[in-house]
Amino acid sequence: MKLYHTSLGVLIVHEGEHYLVDHKWHQFINDDNLYAKAKRCCHERFKVDNGEEILALYSLKPIDLQEIWATGVTYYNSKMGRQEESKDAGGGDFYERVYNAPRPELFFKSTAARAVGHGEPLHIRRDSTWNVPEPELTLVMSSSGKIVAYTIGNDMSSRSIEGENPLYLPQAKTYDRSAAIGPCLYISENGMPTESKIRLTIERAGAQVYHGEIGIDQIVRKFEDLAEYLYRETSFPYGSFLMTGTGIVPDSDFTLAVDDVVHIEIDHIGTLTNTIAKSIQKS
């Protein structure tokens, strides 16, 4: 089952049918029993025949009042990539240690206002020379910390800045339009299937310049453990989104360019597509 945020309400897609519920997004999804709630709305009185038209004309990003957080170094490939980018700065040991530590790396990524949705432009920093997308399965959690849904996230990273000094991570990760979320929320009685794959495709001038994929079963952390650490001393009255790290790491000679098109596909959820732009020069 999929949930879409639209300006007309919550659009539910289930077994090929569309159901429209007039409800505020953050209130609807902030529910420990979200699947059962959505299933009850798959009723004849909420059914609509123009669901595809609603999606085409009225879709919004699937986040409104929640914060986006992220976790890092949850895949072996990520550990190796971070060690490579920071070796000259002497920071490689930090990533080795956090990969094996009980406590995960967690950091604030974005407010909902700074994030973008499907089809909207993402930014690369003007002061960064090495920029990559980071395709990530993203957990959607209620205010109690329960995982209630899943979506696709792009945790854009300015690797030249983080590689210069690991303490620069907030600047490398958090800026206007540095995060994309969408296109929908996937909800299931049984959680996210462990055989699900994440695929990243980057196009430049109409040609594919990068493709990679990885299974979510390669994540070394349990999702419930990540949620517990995030909520341990922090409250989220509207719930939260947590990006779970990337295992797709382009080679060090690759960097994003303006007008590149980034496609992130995750089984059962769909595809998140964004075009790359350069951040706006401040006056």
Protein backbone atom coordinates (compact mmCIF):
# COMPACT_ATOMS: atom_id res chain seq x y z
CA MET A 1 0.00 0.00 0.00
CA LYS A 2 1.22 3.51 -0.86
CA LEU A 3 0.33 6.90 0.58
CA TYR A 4 0.71 10.12 -1.40
CA HIS A 5 0.60 13.64 -0.01
CA THR A 6 -1.54 15.88 -2.21
CA SER A 7 -3.07 19.32 -1.86
CA LEU A 8 -6.48 17.62 -1.91
CA GLY A 9 -5.72 15.25 0.96
CA VAL A 10 -4.11 11.85 1.54
CA LEU A 11 -4.27 9.64 -1.56
CA ILE A 12 -4.08 5.91 -0.82
CA VAL A 13 -3.18 3.45 -3.58
CA HIS A 14 -4.05 -0.14 -2.80
CA GLU A 15 -4.55 -3.12 -5.10
CA GLY A 16 -4.86 -0.85 -8.14
CA GLU A 17 -7.52 1.42 -6.64
CA HIS A 18 -7.26 5.03 -5.39
CA TYR A 19 -8.84 6.41 -2.23
CA LEU A 20 -8.82 10.09 -1.23
CA VAL A 21 -9.08 11.05 2.44
CA ASP A 22 -9.55 14.68 3.50
CA HIS A 23 -7.03 14.74 6.32
CA LYS A 24 -3.92 16.71 7.27
CA TRP A 25 -0.81 14.78 6.26
CA HIS A 26 1.19 15.03 9.49
CA GLN A 27 -1.79 13.98 11.58
CA PHE A 28 -2.64 11.05 9.33
CA ILE A 29 0.83 9.48 9.18
CA ASN A 30 1.71 10.09 12.84
CA ASP A 31 -0.03 6.91 13.94
CA ASP A 32 1.49 3.76 15.43
CA ASN A 33 -1.18 1.75 13.59
CA LEU A 34 -0.83 3.52 10.24
CA TYR A 35 -1.30 0.42 8.09
CA ALA A 36 -4.57 -0.52 9.80
CA LYS A 37 -5.76 3.08 9.64
CA ALA A 38 -5.05 3.34 5.92
CA LYS A 39 -6.61 -0.05 5.25
CA ARG A 40 -9.85 1.12 6.91
CA CYS A 41 -9.89 4.06 4.48
CA CYS A 42 -9.87 1.72 1.49
CA HIS A 43 -13.64 1.94 1.46
CA GLU A 44 -16.09 2.64 -1.32
CA ARG A 45 -16.98 6.07 0.08
CA PHE A 46 -13.35 7.27 -0.30
CA LYS A 47 -12.78 5.71 -3.71
CA VAL A 48 -11.94 8.04 -6.63
CA ASP A 49 -11.70 7.35 -10.35
CA ASN A 50 -9.24 10.17 -11.14
CA GLY A 51 -6.37 9.09 -8.89
CA GLU A 52 -3.72 9.37 -11.62
CA GLU A 53 -4.90 12.88 -12.46
CA ILE A 54 -4.69 13.87 -8.79
CA LEU A 55 -1.12 12.57 -8.64
CA ALA A 56 -0.17 14.44 -11.80
CA LEU A 57 -1.68 17.77 -10.77
CA TYR A 58 -1.72 17.96 -6.98
CA SER A 59 1.19 15.91 -5.61
CA LEU A 60 3.29 17.32 -2.76
CA LYS A 61 6.44 16.03 -1.10
CA PRO A 62 5.50 13.42 1.55
CA ILE A 63 6.67 15.55 4.48
CA ASP A 64 5.34 18.71 6.05
CA LEU A 65 6.21 19.32 9.72
CA GLN A 66 8.67 16.50 10.39
CA GLU A 67 12.46 16.74 10.62
CA ILE A 68 14.79 14.64 8.48
CA TRP A 69 17.73 12.95 10.22
CA ALA A 70 20.32 10.64 8.77
CA THR A 71 22.71 7.91 9.79
CA GLY A 72 26.06 7.18 8.21
CA VAL A 73 28.54 4.37 7.70
CA THR A 74 25.89 1.64 7.82
CA TYR A 75 27.27 -0.23 4.79
CA TYR A 76 30.79 -1.57 4.26
CA ASN A 77 31.01 0.34 0.96
CA SER A 78 30.24 3.56 2.78
CA LYS A 79 32.93 2.92 5.38
CA MET A 80 35.52 2.38 2.66
CA GLY A 81 34.40 5.45 0.72
CA ARG A 82 34.56 7.70 3.78
CA GLN A 83 37.99 6.40 4.70
CA GLU A 84 39.20 7.15 1.17
CA GLU A 85 37.85 10.71 1.09
CA SER A 86 39.30 11.63 4.51
CA LYS A 87 42.65 9.81 4.41
CA ASP A 88 44.66 12.97 3.67
CA ALA A 89 43.01 14.75 6.61
CA GLY A 90 43.76 11.86 8.97
CA GLY A 91 40.09 11.16 9.65
CA GLY A 92 39.80 7.65 8.22
CA ASP A 93 40.00 5.96 11.62
CA PHE A 94 36.79 7.70 12.75
CA TYR A 95 34.76 5.83 10.13
CA GLU A 96 36.31 2.46 10.92
CA ARG A 97 35.45 2.92 14.58
CA VAL A 98 31.85 4.08 14.10
CA TYR A 99 31.18 1.22 11.65
CA ASN A 100 31.98 -1.28 14.41
CA ALA A 101 30.68 0.66 17.42
CA PRO A 102 27.37 -0.11 19.17
CA ARG A 103 26.35 3.56 18.87
CA PRO A 104 25.53 4.63 15.29
CA GLU A 105 26.42 7.90 13.62
CA LEU A 106 23.31 10.09 13.62
CA PHE A 107 23.04 13.66 12.39
CA PHE A 108 20.41 16.25 11.58
CA LYS A 109 19.84 16.50 7.84
CA SER A 110 17.03 18.91 7.00
CA THR A 111 13.84 20.63 7.93
CA ALA A 112 10.86 19.86 5.74
CA ALA A 113 11.04 23.38 4.30
CA ARG A 114 14.60 22.91 3.02
CA ALA A 115 13.89 19.48 1.51
CA VAL A 116 12.46 18.82 -1.94
CA GLY A 117 10.15 16.22 -3.38
CA HIS A 118 9.99 14.14 -6.55
CA GLY A 119 10.66 16.18 -9.69
CA GLU A 120 12.06 19.20 -7.87
CA PRO A 121 15.66 20.47 -8.28
CA LEU A 122 18.37 19.51 -5.80
CA HIS A 123 21.37 21.74 -5.14
CA ILE A 124 25.11 21.22 -5.05
CA ARG A 125 27.10 23.69 -2.98
CA ARG A 126 28.98 26.42 -4.84
CA ASP A 127 32.00 25.97 -2.54
CA SER A 128 32.30 22.20 -3.04
CA THR A 129 34.26 20.54 -5.83
CA TRP A 130 33.17 16.93 -5.23
CA ASN A 131 29.44 16.24 -4.89
CA VAL A 132 27.50 12.99 -4.94
CA PRO A 133 23.96 11.77 -4.35
CA GLU A 134 23.41 9.23 -1.61
CA PRO A 135 20.41 6.94 -2.26
CA GLU A 136 18.93 5.78 1.00
CA LEU A 137 16.00 3.79 2.28
CA THR A 138 14.30 6.20 4.67
CA LEU A 139 12.33 5.22 7.75
CA VAL A 140 9.16 7.10 8.63
CA MET A 141 8.50 7.08 12.36
CA SER A 142 5.65 8.21 14.56
CA SER A 143 6.09 10.50 17.56
CA SER A 144 6.53 7.38 19.72
CA GLY A 145 9.49 6.21 17.64
CA LYS A 146 7.70 3.33 15.93
CA ILE A 147 8.58 2.68 12.29
CA VAL A 148 5.29 3.04 10.40
CA ALA A 149 6.36 3.50 6.76
CA TYR A 150 9.26 3.69 4.31
CA THR A 151 10.22 6.10 1.56
CA ILE A 152 13.16 7.05 -0.67
CA GLY A 153 15.71 9.64 0.40
CA ASN A 154 18.60 11.38 -1.34
CA ASP A 155 21.15 12.55 1.23
CA MET A 156 23.24 14.87 -0.97
CA SER A 157 26.84 15.06 0.16
CA SER A 158 29.64 17.58 -0.47
CA ARG A 159 32.46 15.07 -0.19
CA SER A 160 35.26 17.59 -0.72
CA ILE A 161 34.11 19.49 2.38
CA GLU A 162 33.61 16.46 4.63
CA GLY A 163 36.85 14.94 3.35
CA GLU A 164 38.79 18.05 4.32
CA ASN A 165 37.78 17.58 7.96
CA PRO A 166 35.12 15.24 9.44
CA LEU A 167 34.00 18.11 11.70
CA TYR A 168 32.75 19.88 8.57
CA LEU A 169 30.04 17.23 8.12
CA PRO A 170 27.15 19.61 9.01
CA GLN A 171 28.25 21.96 6.22
CA ALA A 172 28.71 19.07 3.79
CA LYS A 173 25.27 17.65 4.54
CA THR A 174 22.93 20.43 5.60
CA TYR A 175 22.08 23.28 3.25
CA ASP A 176 19.13 24.42 1.13
CA ARG A 177 17.81 21.65 -1.13
CA SER A 178 20.34 19.10 0.10
CA ALA A 179 17.69 16.44 0.73
CA ALA A 180 15.01 14.86 -1.43
CA ILE A 181 12.16 12.70 -0.15
CA GLY A 182 9.51 10.82 -2.09
CA PRO A 183 7.57 10.09 -4.09
CA CYS A 184 5.31 8.32 -1.58
CA LEU A 185 5.24 6.30 1.63
CA TYR A 186 5.17 2.52 1.45
CA ILE A 187 3.32 0.80 4.28
CA SER A 188 3.02 -2.90 4.97
CA GLU A 189 1.88 -5.21 7.72
CA ASN A 190 5.24 -6.97 7.62
CA GLY A 191 7.72 -4.12 7.23
CA MET A 192 10.14 -3.63 4.34
CA PRO A 193 10.97 -6.88 2.51
CA THR A 194 14.61 -7.72 3.22
CA GLU A 195 15.34 -8.71 -0.38
CA SER A 196 14.56 -5.16 -1.58
CA LYS A 197 17.14 -3.47 -3.79
CA ILE A 198 18.20 0.18 -4.07
CA ARG A 199 19.26 1.38 -7.54
CA LEU A 200 20.94 4.66 -8.47
CA THR A 201 21.09 5.93 -12.05
CA ILE A 202 22.59 9.26 -13.08
CA GLU A 203 22.03 10.74 -16.54
CA ARG A 204 24.00 13.55 -18.17
CA ALA A 205 22.93 15.12 -21.46
CA GLY A 206 20.61 12.17 -22.04
CA ALA A 207 23.24 9.48 -21.48
CA GLN A 208 23.75 7.26 -18.45
CA VAL A 209 26.99 8.13 -16.67
CA TYR A 210 26.55 6.06 -13.53
CA HIS A 211 24.56 3.09 -12.30
CA GLY A 212 24.81 1.10 -9.10
CA GLU A 213 22.65 -1.07 -6.88
CA ILE A 214 22.73 -2.75 -3.50
CA GLY A 215 20.41 -4.76 -1.28
CA ILE A 216 19.07 -3.32 1.95
CA ASP A 217 20.15 -6.57 3.60
CA GLN A 218 23.71 -5.19 3.46
CA ILE A 219 22.91 -2.60 6.15
CA VAL A 220 24.82 -3.60 9.30
CA ARG A 221 22.39 -1.87 11.68
CA LYS A 222 18.91 -2.97 12.71
CA PHE A 223 16.30 -0.36 11.86
CA GLU A 224 14.80 -0.59 15.34
CA ASP A 225 18.19 0.15 16.90
CA LEU A 226 18.60 3.26 14.75
CA ALA A 227 15.15 4.45 15.79
CA GLU A 228 15.87 3.81 19.46
CA TYR A 229 19.10 5.81 19.41
CA LEU A 230 17.43 8.71 17.58
CA TYR A 231 14.54 8.90 20.05
CA ARG A 232 16.59 8.13 23.15
CA GLU A 233 16.93 11.77 24.26
CA THR A 234 15.07 13.67 21.53
CA SER A 235 11.34 14.17 21.02
CA PHE A 236 9.57 14.44 17.67
CA PRO A 237 5.96 15.60 18.20
CA TYR A 238 5.08 15.15 14.51
CA GLY A 239 7.21 12.07 13.95
CA SER A 240 10.41 12.00 11.92
CA PHE A 241 12.18 10.71 8.82
CA LEU A 242 15.49 8.85 9.17
CA MET A 243 17.73 8.13 6.19
CA THR A 244 19.51 4.84 6.82
CA GLY A 245 22.81 5.36 4.99
CA THR A 246 24.08 4.54 1.54
CA GLY A 247 25.91 1.54 0.15
CA ILE A 248 26.22 2.97 -3.37
CA VAL A 249 29.38 5.04 -3.55
CA PRO A 250 30.55 6.41 -6.95
CA ASP A 251 34.29 6.33 -7.63
CA SER A 252 36.36 9.26 -6.43
CA ASP A 253 36.70 10.63 -9.97
CA PHE A 254 32.94 11.15 -10.28
CA THR A 255 31.16 14.35 -9.27
CA LEU A 256 27.69 15.65 -10.06
CA ALA A 257 27.24 18.39 -12.62
CA VAL A 258 24.49 20.95 -13.12
CA ASP A 259 21.55 19.48 -15.09
CA ASP A 260 22.40 15.88 -14.17
CA VAL A 261 19.25 13.82 -13.58
CA VAL A 262 19.34 11.50 -10.56
CA HIS A 263 16.99 8.51 -10.35
CA ILE A 264 16.75 6.48 -7.15
CA GLU A 265 14.60 3.36 -7.30
CA ILE A 266 13.73 1.15 -4.34
CA ASP A 267 11.66 -1.99 -4.73
CA HIS A 268 8.06 -1.69 -3.53
CA ILE A 269 8.29 2.12 -3.16
CA GLY A 270 8.97 3.49 -6.64
CA THR A 271 11.42 6.01 -8.12
CA LEU A 272 12.54 9.41 -6.84
CA THR A 273 13.83 11.67 -9.63
CA ASN A 274 15.54 15.05 -9.27
CA THR A 275 17.59 17.35 -11.48
CA ILE A 276 20.78 18.93 -10.14
CA ALA A 277 21.19 22.70 -9.91
CA LYS A 278 23.80 24.91 -8.29
CA SER A 279 22.94 26.72 -5.07
CA ILE A 280 21.80 30.31 -5.49
CA GLN A 281 24.43 32.99 -4.96
CA LYS A 282 23.59 35.00 -1.84
CA SER A 283 23.58 38.77 -2.30
